[in-house]
Amino acid sequence: MKTTQRTLTVLSLALGVLLAWALISRTPWAGTVDVLTAGEAYTHPIEPLRDVTGALLVAIPAVLLTRSGWSWFARVILGREDARRVRVQRTPHSTRSSSR
């Protein structure tokens, strides 16, 4: 069931991207962009990697901050409790020998 939900989530997100792309392509701005010359503004091959690294350095802490913020909101404001693990205890072994 989880695989189906994940697949449907990915497909719905992909559909959203395609719809947004279709809407953007109808704007007057879209005609001014030449996709074949994308990236020619970089003077050194390492510059795109630097930009992606910078974006990741911003995105990862933002996601972690959002997750911790939602956890706090759910616990304090909504009153939900954190999931707690139940400790599993082993049954004590008999030290006596059963065969006498």
C-alpha atoms as a PDB file:
ATOM      1  CA  MET A   1       0.000   0.000   0.000  1.00  0.00           C
ATOM      2  CA  LYS A   2       2.860   2.393   0.763  1.00  0.00           C
ATOM      3  CA  THR A   3       4.359   1.799  -2.661  1.00  0.00           C
ATOM      4  CA  THR A   4       1.077   2.772  -4.294  1.00  0.00           C
ATOM      5  CA  GLN A   5       0.813   5.927  -2.206  1.00  0.00           C
ATOM      6  CA  ARG A   6       4.389   6.896  -2.972  1.00  0.00           C
ATOM      7  CA  THR A   7       3.885   6.265  -6.675  1.00  0.00           C
ATOM      8  CA  LEU A   8       0.709   8.353  -6.715  1.00  0.00           C
ATOM      9  CA  THR A   9       2.470  11.141  -4.813  1.00  0.00           C
ATOM     10  CA  VAL A  10       5.358  11.229  -7.273  1.00  0.00           C
ATOM     11  CA  LEU A  11       2.983  11.158 -10.239  1.00  0.00           C
ATOM     12  CA  SER A  12       0.861  13.974  -8.831  1.00  0.00           C
ATOM     13  CA  LEU A  13       3.965  16.093  -8.186  1.00  0.00           C
ATOM     14  CA  ALA A  14       5.201  15.397 -11.727  1.00  0.00           C
ATOM     15  CA  LEU A  15       1.805  16.403 -13.089  1.00  0.00           C
ATOM     16  CA  GLY A  16       1.987  19.611 -11.069  1.00  0.00           C
ATOM     17  CA  VAL A  17       5.400  20.410 -12.529  1.00  0.00           C
ATOM     18  CA  LEU A  18       4.164  19.742 -16.051  1.00  0.00           C
ATOM     19  CA  LEU A  19       1.110  21.961 -15.535  1.00  0.00           C
ATOM     20  CA  ALA A  20       3.260  24.771 -14.135  1.00  0.00           C
ATOM     21  CA  TRP A  21       5.637  24.371 -17.068  1.00  0.00           C
ATOM     22  CA  ALA A  22       2.728  24.546 -19.505  1.00  0.00           C
ATOM     23  CA  LEU A  23       1.400  27.706 -17.856  1.00  0.00           C
ATOM     24  CA  ILE A  24       4.826  29.355 -17.854  1.00  0.00           C
ATOM     25  CA  SER A  25       5.363  28.483 -21.516  1.00  0.00           C
ATOM     26  CA  ARG A  26       2.310  30.572 -22.438  1.00  0.00           C
ATOM     27  CA  THR A  27       3.722  33.751 -20.875  1.00  0.00           C
ATOM     28  CA  PRO A  28       5.397  36.419 -23.042  1.00  0.00           C
ATOM     29  CA  TRP A  29       8.606  35.897 -21.051  1.00  0.00           C
ATOM     30  CA  ALA A  30       8.957  32.299 -22.254  1.00  0.00           C
ATOM     31  CA  GLY A  31       9.586  33.380 -25.837  1.00  0.00           C
ATOM     32  CA  THR A  32      12.627  35.400 -24.808  1.00  0.00           C
ATOM     33  CA  VAL A  33      14.432  32.455 -23.222  1.00  0.00           C
ATOM     34  CA  ASP A  34      16.729  30.344 -25.366  1.00  0.00           C
ATOM     35  CA  VAL A  35      17.096  26.957 -23.676  1.00  0.00           C
ATOM     36  CA  LEU A  36      20.003  25.949 -25.930  1.00  0.00           C
ATOM     37  CA  THR A  37      22.244  28.685 -24.516  1.00  0.00           C
ATOM     38  CA  ALA A  38      21.495  27.984 -20.854  1.00  0.00           C
ATOM     39  CA  GLY A  39      24.638  28.085 -18.748  1.00  0.00           C
ATOM     40  CA  GLU A  40      26.730  30.157 -21.129  1.00  0.00           C
ATOM     41  CA  ALA A  41      26.920  32.967 -18.582  1.00  0.00           C
ATOM     42  CA  TYR A  42      29.324  30.893 -16.495  1.00  0.00           C
ATOM     43  CA  THR A  43      32.959  31.656 -17.128  1.00  0.00           C
ATOM     44  CA  HIS A  44      34.379  28.688 -15.228  1.00  0.00           C
ATOM     45  CA  PRO A  45      33.089  25.081 -15.116  1.00  0.00           C
ATOM     46  CA  ILE A  46      33.066  25.028 -11.302  1.00  0.00           C
ATOM     47  CA  GLU A  47      30.581  27.925 -10.995  1.00  0.00           C
ATOM     48  CA  PRO A  48      27.408  25.831 -11.543  1.00  0.00           C
ATOM     49  CA  LEU A  49      28.614  23.384  -8.879  1.00  0.00           C
ATOM     50  CA  ARG A  50      29.203  26.282  -6.520  1.00  0.00           C
ATOM     51  CA  ASP A  51      25.654  27.524  -7.105  1.00  0.00           C
ATOM     52  CA  VAL A  52      24.156  24.065  -6.514  1.00  0.00           C
ATOM     53  CA  THR A  53      26.237  23.652  -3.363  1.00  0.00           C
ATOM     54  CA  GLY A  54      25.034  27.010  -2.086  1.00  0.00           C
ATOM     55  CA  ALA A  55      21.434  26.054  -2.780  1.00  0.00           C
ATOM     56  CA  LEU A  56      21.893  22.778  -0.877  1.00  0.00           C
ATOM     57  CA  LEU A  57      23.514  24.586   2.036  1.00  0.00           C
ATOM     58  CA  VAL A  58      20.373  26.698   2.293  1.00  0.00           C
ATOM     59  CA  ALA A  59      17.781  24.011   1.481  1.00  0.00           C
ATOM     60  CA  ILE A  60      18.932  21.278   3.878  1.00  0.00           C
ATOM     61  CA  PRO A  61      18.870  23.419   7.054  1.00  0.00           C
ATOM     62  CA  ALA A  62      15.560  24.905   5.909  1.00  0.00           C
ATOM     63  CA  VAL A  63      14.026  21.436   5.642  1.00  0.00           C
ATOM     64  CA  LEU A  64      15.429  20.397   9.024  1.00  0.00           C
ATOM     65  CA  LEU A  65      14.167  23.608  10.612  1.00  0.00           C
ATOM     66  CA  THR A  66      10.726  23.064   9.095  1.00  0.00           C
ATOM     67  CA  ARG A  67      10.597  19.484  10.387  1.00  0.00           C
ATOM     68  CA  SER A  68      11.637  20.473  13.900  1.00  0.00           C
ATOM     69  CA  GLY A  69       9.200  23.400  13.828  1.00  0.00           C
ATOM     70  CA  TRP A  70       6.346  21.136  12.814  1.00  0.00           C
ATOM     71  CA  SER A  71       7.331  18.665  15.527  1.00  0.00           C
ATOM     72  CA  TRP A  72       7.208  21.458  18.107  1.00  0.00           C
ATOM     73  CA  PHE A  73       3.897  22.754  16.734  1.00  0.00           C
ATOM     74  CA  ALA A  74       2.331  19.299  16.802  1.00  0.00           C
ATOM     75  CA  ARG A  75       3.559  18.636  20.340  1.00  0.00           C
ATOM     76  CA  VAL A  76       2.910  22.025  21.977  1.00  0.00           C
ATOM     77  CA  ILE A  77       0.026  23.546  20.032  1.00  0.00           C
ATOM     78  CA  LEU A  78      -1.879  20.479  18.827  1.00  0.00           C
ATOM     79  CA  GLY A  79      -1.118  18.417  21.921  1.00  0.00           C
ATOM     80  CA  ARG A  80       0.137  15.337  20.128  1.00  0.00           C
ATOM     81  CA  GLU A  81       2.516  13.063  21.939  1.00  0.00           C
ATOM     82  CA  ASP A  82       5.758  11.788  20.515  1.00  0.00           C
ATOM     83  CA  ALA A  83       5.785   8.160  19.501  1.00  0.00           C
ATOM     84  CA  ARG A  84       7.424   6.220  22.282  1.00  0.00           C
ATOM     85  CA  ARG A  85       9.040   2.872  21.915  1.00  0.00           C
ATOM     86  CA  VAL A  86       7.954   0.076  24.154  1.00  0.00           C
ATOM     87  CA  ARG A  87      10.896  -1.578  25.826  1.00  0.00           C
ATOM     88  CA  VAL A  88      11.142  -5.253  25.095  1.00  0.00           C
ATOM     89  CA  GLN A  89      12.214  -7.326  28.038  1.00  0.00           C
ATOM     90  CA  ARG A  90      13.647 -10.761  27.689  1.00  0.00           C
ATOM     91  CA  THR A  91      12.140 -13.545  29.650  1.00  0.00           C
ATOM     92  CA  PRO A  92      14.508 -14.689  32.398  1.00  0.00           C
ATOM     93  CA  HIS A  93      16.247 -17.962  31.675  1.00  0.00           C
ATOM     94  CA  SER A  94      16.090 -20.710  34.186  1.00  0.00           C
ATOM     95  CA  THR A  95      19.486 -21.453  35.697  1.00  0.00           C
ATOM     96  CA  ARG A  96      18.379 -24.890  36.891  1.00  0.00           C
ATOM     97  CA  SER A  97      18.843 -27.845  34.685  1.00  0.00           C
ATOM     98  CA  SER A  98      15.560 -29.551  33.777  1.00  0.00           C
ATOM     99  CA  SER A  99      17.148 -32.963  33.237  1.00  0.00           C
ATOM    100  CA  ARG A 100      18.135 -34.635  36.527  1.00  0.00           C
END
